Protein backbone atom coordinates (compact mmCIF):
# COMPACT_ATOMS: atom_id res chain seq x y z
CA UNK A 1 138.09 78.04 84.12
CA UNK A 2 139.96 79.01 87.36
CA UNK A 3 140.44 82.52 86.02
CA UNK A 4 136.64 82.87 85.50
CA UNK A 5 135.94 81.55 88.96
CA UNK A 6 138.45 83.94 90.48
CA UNK A 7 136.87 86.99 88.73
CA UNK A 8 133.35 85.80 89.70
CA UNK A 9 134.34 85.31 93.38
CA UNK A 10 136.09 88.63 93.48
CA UNK A 11 133.06 90.42 92.02
CA UNK A 12 130.92 88.65 94.59
CA UNK A 13 133.11 89.92 97.40
CA UNK A 14 133.24 93.42 95.95
CA UNK A 15 129.50 93.61 95.61
CA UNK A 16 128.94 92.43 99.16
CA UNK A 17 131.31 95.08 100.55
CA UNK A 18 129.82 97.79 98.32
CA UNK A 19 126.28 96.84 99.57
CA UNK A 20 127.51 97.17 103.18
CA UNK A 21 129.07 100.50 102.60
CA UNK A 22 125.89 101.76 100.94
CA UNK A 23 123.82 100.51 103.85
CA UNK A 24 126.07 102.15 106.36
CA UNK A 25 125.90 105.47 104.52
CA UNK A 26 122.02 105.13 104.11
CA UNK A 27 121.36 104.38 107.83
CA UNK A 28 123.89 106.93 109.05
CA UNK A 29 121.94 109.69 107.21
CA UNK A 30 118.55 108.18 108.20
CA UNK A 31 119.29 108.13 111.92
CA UNK A 32 119.69 111.93 111.93
CA UNK A 33 116.13 112.40 110.74
CA UNK A 34 112.88 112.23 112.72
CA UNK A 35 112.54 108.75 114.19
CA UNK A 36 109.69 106.71 112.84
CA UNK A 37 107.96 103.53 114.04
CA UNK A 38 110.37 102.76 116.89
CA UNK A 39 110.72 104.64 120.14
CA UNK A 40 113.37 107.38 119.84
CA UNK A 41 115.88 105.47 122.01
CA UNK A 42 115.48 102.19 120.10
CA UNK A 43 115.47 103.94 116.75
CA UNK A 44 119.01 105.31 117.47
CA UNK A 45 120.01 101.85 118.92
CA UNK A 46 118.72 100.11 115.97
CA UNK A 47 120.66 102.34 113.61
CA UNK A 48 123.82 101.87 115.73
CA UNK A 49 123.35 98.10 115.61
CA UNK A 50 122.74 97.98 111.92
CA UNK A 51 125.92 100.03 111.22
CA UNK A 52 127.96 97.88 113.63
CA UNK A 53 126.66 94.64 111.99
CA UNK A 54 127.53 96.05 108.48
CA UNK A 55 131.05 96.95 109.60
CA UNK A 56 131.40 93.45 110.93
CA UNK A 57 130.07 92.07 107.70
CA UNK A 58 132.73 94.02 105.76
CA UNK A 59 135.48 92.56 107.91
CA UNK A 60 134.10 89.01 107.72
CA UNK A 61 133.64 89.27 103.99
CA UNK A 62 137.29 90.32 103.59
CA UNK A 63 138.31 87.41 105.88
CA UNK A 64 136.18 85.13 103.78
CA UNK A 65 138.05 86.18 100.69
CA UNK A 66 141.44 85.58 102.32
CA UNK A 67 140.26 82.08 103.37
CA UNK A 68 139.01 81.40 99.90
CA UNK A 69 142.33 82.49 98.36
CA UNK A 70 144.18 80.26 100.84
CA UNK A 71 142.14 77.25 99.90
CA UNK A 72 142.52 77.90 96.17
CA UNK A 73 146.25 78.59 96.06
CA UNK A 74 147.54 76.04 98.49
CA UNK A 75 144.88 74.79 101.05
CA UNK A 76 143.18 72.22 98.80
CA UNK A 77 146.41 70.62 97.54
CA UNK A 78 147.90 70.66 101.16
CA UNK A 79 144.81 68.93 102.56
CA UNK A 80 144.83 66.44 99.71
CA UNK A 81 148.47 65.55 100.38
CA UNK A 82 147.96 65.44 104.18
CA UNK A 83 145.27 62.84 104.34
CA UNK A 84 146.36 59.27 103.65
CA UNK A 85 143.31 56.95 103.39
CA UNK A 86 143.32 54.14 100.86
CA UNK A 87 139.44 53.75 100.67
CA UNK A 88 138.20 56.32 98.06
CA UNK A 89 134.80 56.90 99.73
CA UNK A 90 136.36 57.08 103.14
CA UNK A 91 139.02 59.49 101.95
CA UNK A 92 136.45 61.74 100.35
CA UNK A 93 134.34 61.80 103.46
CA UNK A 94 137.40 62.60 105.63
CA UNK A 95 138.51 65.30 103.09
CA UNK A 96 135.13 67.14 103.30
CA UNK A 97 134.72 66.87 107.00
CA UNK A 98 138.27 68.17 107.55
CA UNK A 99 137.54 71.16 105.21
CA UNK A 100 134.39 72.01 107.11
CA UNK A 101 136.07 71.61 110.51
CA UNK A 102 138.97 73.92 109.49
CA UNK A 103 136.54 76.49 108.14
CA UNK A 104 134.56 76.34 111.41
CA UNK A 105 137.65 76.85 113.49
CA UNK A 106 138.63 79.78 111.30
CA UNK A 107 135.27 81.34 111.83
CA UNK A 108 135.29 81.17 115.68
CA UNK A 109 136.66 84.70 116.30
CA UNK A 110 133.77 86.35 114.33
CA UNK A 111 131.21 83.99 116.02
CA UNK A 112 132.45 84.90 119.43
CA UNK A 113 132.53 88.59 118.76
CA UNK A 114 128.99 88.47 117.38
CA UNK A 115 127.60 86.55 120.28
CA UNK A 116 129.59 87.86 123.28
CA UNK A 117 130.53 91.21 121.87
CA UNK A 118 128.12 92.91 119.57
CA UNK A 119 124.91 91.12 120.69
CA UNK A 120 125.75 91.41 124.38
CA UNK A 121 126.42 95.15 123.97
CA UNK A 122 123.06 95.79 122.36
CA UNK A 123 121.22 93.66 124.83
CA UNK A 124 120.23 90.74 122.57
CA UNK A 125 122.42 87.82 123.76
CA UNK A 126 121.70 86.33 127.14
CA UNK A 127 123.71 83.18 126.60
CA UNK A 128 126.46 82.36 129.09
CA UNK A 129 129.78 80.63 128.34
CA UNK A 130 128.75 77.28 129.61
CA UNK A 131 125.57 77.10 127.41
CA UNK A 132 127.59 78.32 124.46
CA UNK A 133 130.24 75.57 124.87
CA UNK A 134 127.66 72.81 125.41
CA UNK A 135 125.82 74.08 122.34
CA UNK A 136 128.94 73.96 120.28
CA UNK A 137 129.66 70.33 121.61
CA UNK A 138 126.20 69.18 120.67
CA UNK A 139 126.48 70.73 117.23
CA UNK A 140 129.84 69.25 116.70
CA UNK A 141 128.62 65.70 117.69
CA UNK A 142 125.60 65.98 115.37
CA UNK A 143 127.88 67.14 112.57
CA UNK A 144 130.22 64.28 113.09
CA UNK A 145 127.67 61.70 113.08
CA UNK A 146 124.98 62.94 110.68
CA UNK A 147 127.24 65.15 108.56
CA UNK A 148 129.77 62.22 108.25
CA UNK A 149 126.99 59.90 107.12
CA UNK A 150 125.62 62.34 104.58
CA UNK A 151 129.01 63.14 103.02
CA UNK A 152 129.89 59.30 103.00
CA UNK A 153 126.69 58.66 101.12
CA UNK A 154 127.34 61.56 98.68
CA UNK A 155 130.94 60.31 98.14
CA UNK A 156 129.67 56.88 97.35
CA UNK A 157 127.07 58.26 94.83
CA UNK A 158 129.77 60.32 93.04
CA UNK A 159 132.09 57.32 92.91
CA UNK A 160 129.39 54.96 91.51
CA UNK A 161 127.26 56.92 89.07
CA UNK A 162 128.21 58.70 85.90
CA UNK A 163 125.40 61.17 86.33
CA UNK A 164 125.90 61.44 90.07
CA UNK A 165 124.69 64.99 90.28
CA UNK A 166 121.10 63.87 89.45
CA UNK A 167 121.10 61.19 92.13
CA UNK A 168 122.92 63.50 94.45
CA UNK A 169 120.34 66.16 94.09
CA UNK A 170 117.42 63.84 94.80
CA UNK A 171 119.26 62.40 97.82
CA UNK A 172 120.08 65.79 99.23
CA UNK A 173 116.53 67.06 98.70
CA UNK A 174 115.17 63.97 100.48
CA UNK A 175 117.52 64.65 103.48
CA UNK A 176 116.46 68.36 103.65
CA UNK A 177 112.77 67.36 103.79
CA UNK A 178 113.54 64.62 106.39
CA UNK A 179 115.35 67.32 108.51
CA UNK A 180 112.43 69.64 108.29
CA UNK A 181 110.15 66.86 109.45
CA UNK A 182 112.19 65.88 112.49
CA UNK A 183 113.53 69.26 113.42
CA UNK A 184 110.86 70.37 115.93
CA UNK A 185 110.61 66.87 117.53
CA UNK A 186 114.23 65.68 117.76
CA UNK A 187 116.58 68.53 117.08
CA UNK A 188 115.04 71.52 118.92
CA UNK A 189 114.73 69.65 122.21
CA UNK A 190 118.50 69.10 122.15
CA UNK A 191 119.08 72.74 122.58
CA UNK A 192 115.86 74.19 124.09
CA UNK A 193 113.01 73.19 126.27
CA UNK A 194 109.68 72.90 124.65
CA UNK A 195 106.63 72.93 126.95
CA UNK A 196 102.93 72.72 125.95
CA UNK A 197 101.42 76.23 126.14
CA UNK A 198 99.95 76.73 129.67
CA UNK A 199 97.64 79.64 128.81
CA UNK A 200 94.40 77.83 127.90
CA UNK A 201 92.58 80.84 126.53
CA UNK A 202 95.51 81.65 124.24
CA UNK A 203 95.84 78.03 123.23
CA UNK A 204 92.08 77.71 122.37
CA UNK A 205 92.29 80.91 120.26
CA UNK A 206 95.29 79.62 118.42
CA UNK A 207 93.49 76.31 117.71
CA UNK A 208 90.50 78.23 116.32
CA UNK A 209 92.95 79.97 113.90
CA UNK A 210 94.50 76.69 112.95
CA UNK A 211 91.10 75.08 112.22
CA UNK A 212 90.04 78.15 110.22
CA UNK A 213 93.14 77.82 108.04
CA UNK A 214 92.77 74.01 107.79
CA UNK A 215 96.12 73.30 109.42
CA UNK A 216 96.47 70.28 111.71
CA UNK A 217 99.35 70.55 114.19
CA UNK A 218 100.77 68.19 116.83
CA UNK A 219 100.50 70.94 119.47
CA UNK A 220 101.20 74.50 120.54
CA UNK A 221 104.45 74.93 122.49
CA UNK A 222 106.46 77.58 124.33
CA UNK A 223 110.25 77.62 123.74
CA UNK A 224 112.63 78.99 126.37
CA UNK A 225 114.46 81.16 123.90
CA UNK A 226 115.26 83.85 126.52
CA UNK A 227 118.11 81.73 127.95
CA UNK A 228 120.06 82.60 124.86
CA UNK A 229 118.57 85.64 123.26
CA UNK A 230 115.98 88.48 124.00
CA UNK A 231 114.66 88.64 120.37
CA UNK A 232 110.91 87.84 119.77
CA UNK A 233 109.87 85.13 117.30
CA UNK A 234 107.40 82.42 116.50
CA UNK A 235 107.23 79.74 113.81
CA UNK A 236 105.52 76.71 112.50
CA UNK A 237 108.02 73.92 112.48
CA UNK A 238 107.95 70.53 110.84
CA UNK A 239 106.16 68.92 107.87
CA UNK A 240 103.14 66.71 107.75
CA UNK A 241 102.16 65.30 111.13
CA UNK A 242 105.19 66.72 112.80
CA UNK A 243 103.97 70.42 112.43
CA UNK A 244 104.00 72.36 115.61
CA UNK A 245 103.29 75.89 116.55
CA UNK A 246 106.33 77.17 118.54
CA UNK A 247 106.17 80.56 120.42
CA UNK A 248 109.32 82.06 121.98
CA UNK A 249 108.71 82.88 125.67
CA UNK A 250 110.00 86.37 124.85
CA UNK A 251 107.13 86.83 122.41
CA UNK A 252 104.50 85.58 124.86
CA UNK A 253 105.92 87.99 127.51
CA UNK A 254 105.91 91.07 125.24
CA UNK A 255 102.83 90.77 122.95
CA UNK A 256 99.23 91.16 123.87
CA UNK A 257 96.86 88.24 122.96
CA UNK A 258 95.31 89.96 119.90
CA UNK A 259 98.78 90.98 118.61
CA UNK A 260 100.19 87.44 119.05
CA UNK A 261 97.22 86.02 117.23
CA UNK A 262 97.81 88.46 114.35
CA UNK A 263 101.40 87.35 114.05
CA UNK A 264 100.33 83.67 114.01
CA UNK A 265 97.73 84.68 111.45
CA UNK A 266 100.52 86.06 109.27
CA UNK A 267 102.44 82.70 109.59
CA UNK A 268 99.06 80.92 108.77
CA UNK A 269 98.80 83.01 105.62
CA UNK A 270 101.93 81.38 104.31
CA UNK A 271 100.27 77.98 104.93
CA UNK A 272 96.95 79.08 103.44
CA UNK A 273 98.68 80.43 100.24
CA UNK A 274 100.88 77.32 99.96
CA UNK A 275 104.05 79.41 100.44
CA UNK A 276 105.74 76.59 102.21
CA UNK A 277 105.32 74.34 99.10
CA UNK A 278 106.55 77.23 96.96
CA UNK A 279 109.62 77.78 99.08
CA UNK A 280 110.40 73.99 98.93
CA UNK A 281 110.00 74.13 95.18
CA UNK A 282 112.24 77.30 94.95
CA UNK A 283 114.87 75.70 97.22
CA UNK A 284 114.74 72.57 95.18
CA UNK A 285 115.27 74.55 91.90
CA UNK A 286 118.27 76.39 93.27
CA UNK A 287 119.68 73.08 94.56
CA UNK A 288 119.23 71.50 91.21
CA UNK A 289 121.01 74.42 89.45
CA UNK A 290 123.93 73.97 91.85
CA UNK A 291 124.17 70.21 91.37
CA UNK A 292 123.95 70.69 87.60
CA UNK A 293 126.82 73.25 87.69
CA UNK A 294 129.06 71.48 90.03
CA UNK A 295 128.37 68.09 88.72
CA UNK A 296 129.95 69.04 85.40
CA UNK A 297 133.15 70.87 86.43
CA UNK A 298 135.83 70.35 83.74
CA UNK A 299 138.98 68.40 84.38
CA UNK A 300 140.94 71.63 83.44
CA UNK A 301 139.77 73.23 86.76
CA UNK A 302 141.26 70.44 88.91
CA UNK A 303 144.41 70.56 86.80
CA UNK A 304 144.70 74.30 87.45
CA UNK A 305 144.30 73.71 91.20
CA UNK A 306 146.91 70.95 91.08
CA UNK A 307 144.53 68.46 92.63
CA UNK A 308 143.01 65.10 91.68
CA UNK A 309 139.34 65.05 90.53
CA UNK A 310 137.76 63.07 93.37
CA UNK A 311 134.40 62.98 95.11
CA UNK A 312 135.78 64.79 98.07
CA UNK A 313 137.33 67.52 95.92
CA UNK A 314 134.14 68.03 94.00
CA UNK A 315 132.08 68.24 97.14
CA UNK A 316 134.47 70.82 98.66
CA UNK A 317 134.44 72.89 95.51
CA UNK A 318 130.67 72.77 95.68
CA UNK A 319 130.79 73.97 99.29
CA UNK A 320 133.44 76.75 98.50
CA UNK A 321 131.75 78.17 95.51
CA UNK A 322 128.02 77.63 96.07
CA UNK A 323 127.76 81.06 98.05
CA UNK A 324 128.44 82.76 94.79
CA UNK A 325 125.69 80.82 92.85
CA UNK A 326 123.21 81.46 95.69
CA UNK A 327 124.10 85.17 95.86
CA UNK A 328 123.34 85.48 92.16
CA UNK A 329 120.01 83.62 92.40
CA UNK A 330 118.65 84.90 95.70
CA UNK A 331 117.45 88.38 94.59
CA UNK A 332 114.85 86.56 92.43
CA UNK A 333 113.77 84.39 95.34
CA UNK A 334 113.82 87.49 97.58
CA UNK A 335 111.52 89.24 95.28
CA UNK A 336 109.07 86.45 95.26
CA UNK A 337 109.30 86.06 99.05
CA UNK A 338 108.62 89.75 99.66
CA UNK A 339 105.50 89.52 97.57
CA UNK A 340 104.34 86.41 99.69
CA UNK A 341 104.97 88.45 102.92
CA UNK A 342 102.53 91.14 101.83
CA UNK A 343 99.87 88.49 101.11
CA UNK A 344 100.52 86.81 104.42
CA UNK A 345 100.17 90.19 106.15
CA UNK A 346 96.70 90.57 104.47
CA UNK A 347 95.65 87.17 105.98
CA UNK A 348 97.10 88.01 109.32
CA UNK A 349 95.12 91.25 109.50
CA UNK A 350 91.96 89.39 108.51
CA UNK A 351 92.47 86.97 111.34
CA UNK A 352 92.53 89.77 113.85
CA UNK A 353 92.79 93.30 112.39
CA UNK A 354 95.15 95.58 110.59
CA UNK A 355 95.65 97.54 113.77
CA UNK A 356 96.56 94.38 115.73
CA UNK A 357 99.08 93.14 113.16
CA UNK A 358 100.62 96.66 112.84
CA UNK A 359 101.00 97.04 116.56
CA UNK A 360 102.65 93.56 116.82
CA UNK A 361 105.10 94.34 113.94
CA UNK A 362 106.07 97.67 115.61
CA UNK A 363 106.59 95.98 119.03
CA UNK A 364 108.69 93.19 117.21
CA UNK A 365 110.89 95.77 115.61
CA UNK A 366 111.09 97.87 118.72
CA UNK A 367 112.18 94.92 120.95
CA UNK A 368 114.47 93.38 118.29
CA UNK A 369 115.87 96.80 117.39
CA UNK A 370 115.22 96.33 113.72
CA UNK A 371 115.89 99.45 111.77
CA UNK A 372 112.73 100.10 109.76
CA UNK A 373 114.27 101.24 106.45
CA UNK A 374 117.16 100.12 104.27
CA UNK A 375 119.14 100.90 101.20
CA UNK A 376 117.42 99.59 97.99
CA UNK A 377 120.50 97.55 97.06
CA UNK A 378 120.45 95.78 100.41
CA UNK A 379 116.76 95.05 100.04
CA UNK A 380 117.31 93.65 96.54
CA UNK A 381 120.28 91.44 97.57
CA UNK A 382 119.24 90.12 100.92
CA UNK A 383 115.70 90.90 102.08
CA UNK A 384 113.16 88.05 102.22
CA UNK A 385 110.76 90.38 103.98
CA UNK A 386 109.80 93.88 102.91
CA UNK A 387 111.14 96.80 104.94
CA UNK A 388 108.92 97.37 107.98
CA UNK A 389 107.87 100.84 106.84
CA UNK A 390 106.53 99.39 103.67
CA UNK A 391 104.63 96.68 105.36
CA UNK A 392 103.04 99.10 107.75
CA UNK A 393 102.04 101.41 104.99
CA UNK A 394 100.34 98.55 103.24
CA UNK A 395 98.43 97.94 106.55
CA UNK A 396 97.29 101.55 106.47
CA UNK A 397 99.64 103.20 108.92
CA UNK A 398 101.12 106.66 108.19
CA UNK A 399 104.27 108.18 109.63
CA UNK A 400 105.50 111.57 110.76
CA UNK A 401 108.87 112.30 109.65
CA UNK A 402 110.78 110.92 106.62
CA UNK A 403 110.79 107.30 105.64
CA UNK A 404 113.77 107.81 103.35
CA UNK A 405 117.39 108.96 103.63
CA UNK A 406 117.12 111.24 100.70
């Protein structure tokens, strides 16, 4: 069993690196062709950013593999022998929390480089060191309290039920839904300032869109995203009565009213087509598959790792190996998601116009320096949204120059 896992994980790492190399080659060739969609300057910047992030991805993937090997060959047994707690549930909770804390610390160099190196260089990150440190402290406190409670409950379930993976799946899904409900009300305000939208004309127009789509929200808010990042975004947060329309202040500053309404219309298209429920069902299906797999790990695997079969060890193996499972499943979900994005674009263009949505998408890509085309393998493996050039073609735009790196 361990041999099969090692082969699967190695193939997973190799495919990720191969996809990054293909993307680098594709973008490197495309950037030498006539720029499309973006301004000339931002087209080349977007290409450079994409290449830089892919190079970083290769390094972090290799680093991930080294850490994985470390855990498999000596880390898990070392951590098991290091922790000395008599209570089985308490021991398992401490084991999982320690594993996650060590992984977090090991990942700090890449996090710092991404935030203060790469994103600063390309003009995205506006966060200062003080804000970053306070963010990390808040995240650590939330993880300690809520993460500890979650893993304690999961450890208790594993220790007390033969078919724990069924109960664990139901409990985890319930927690995920709860987090989605409370996220815009309790979690977002810990990191950002949410203020009711002051532009009454814009607010009224948004409320008309909401009524047309049949969506009842608890308000329309502006979020001070610019204190951390210059990227543009908007989202509908929460479930049920906690739903909120959240607009990044960067988005309000850069888009015209008709463009902003078209973007919100796109998001409302997801609501109208019940994509949110579909996404919940898809996520629940993937979660169930993972619980079914990791809930039935054979004793031989634990013997090969020279560790005891405990609740904590089972949860850690879940965390360690679940990226491979999700990597295999995600292309299917990505295909469905890209289909839903096209349908949402149709609805968004009906709310305003195809021209308004096209103009908004171009501005979003230009400001966010999103390269408009990608290698087919990258699209298949990672994209939940269609490439920008394909979305704009569907909306009736035509382009001068090449849209492919032939």
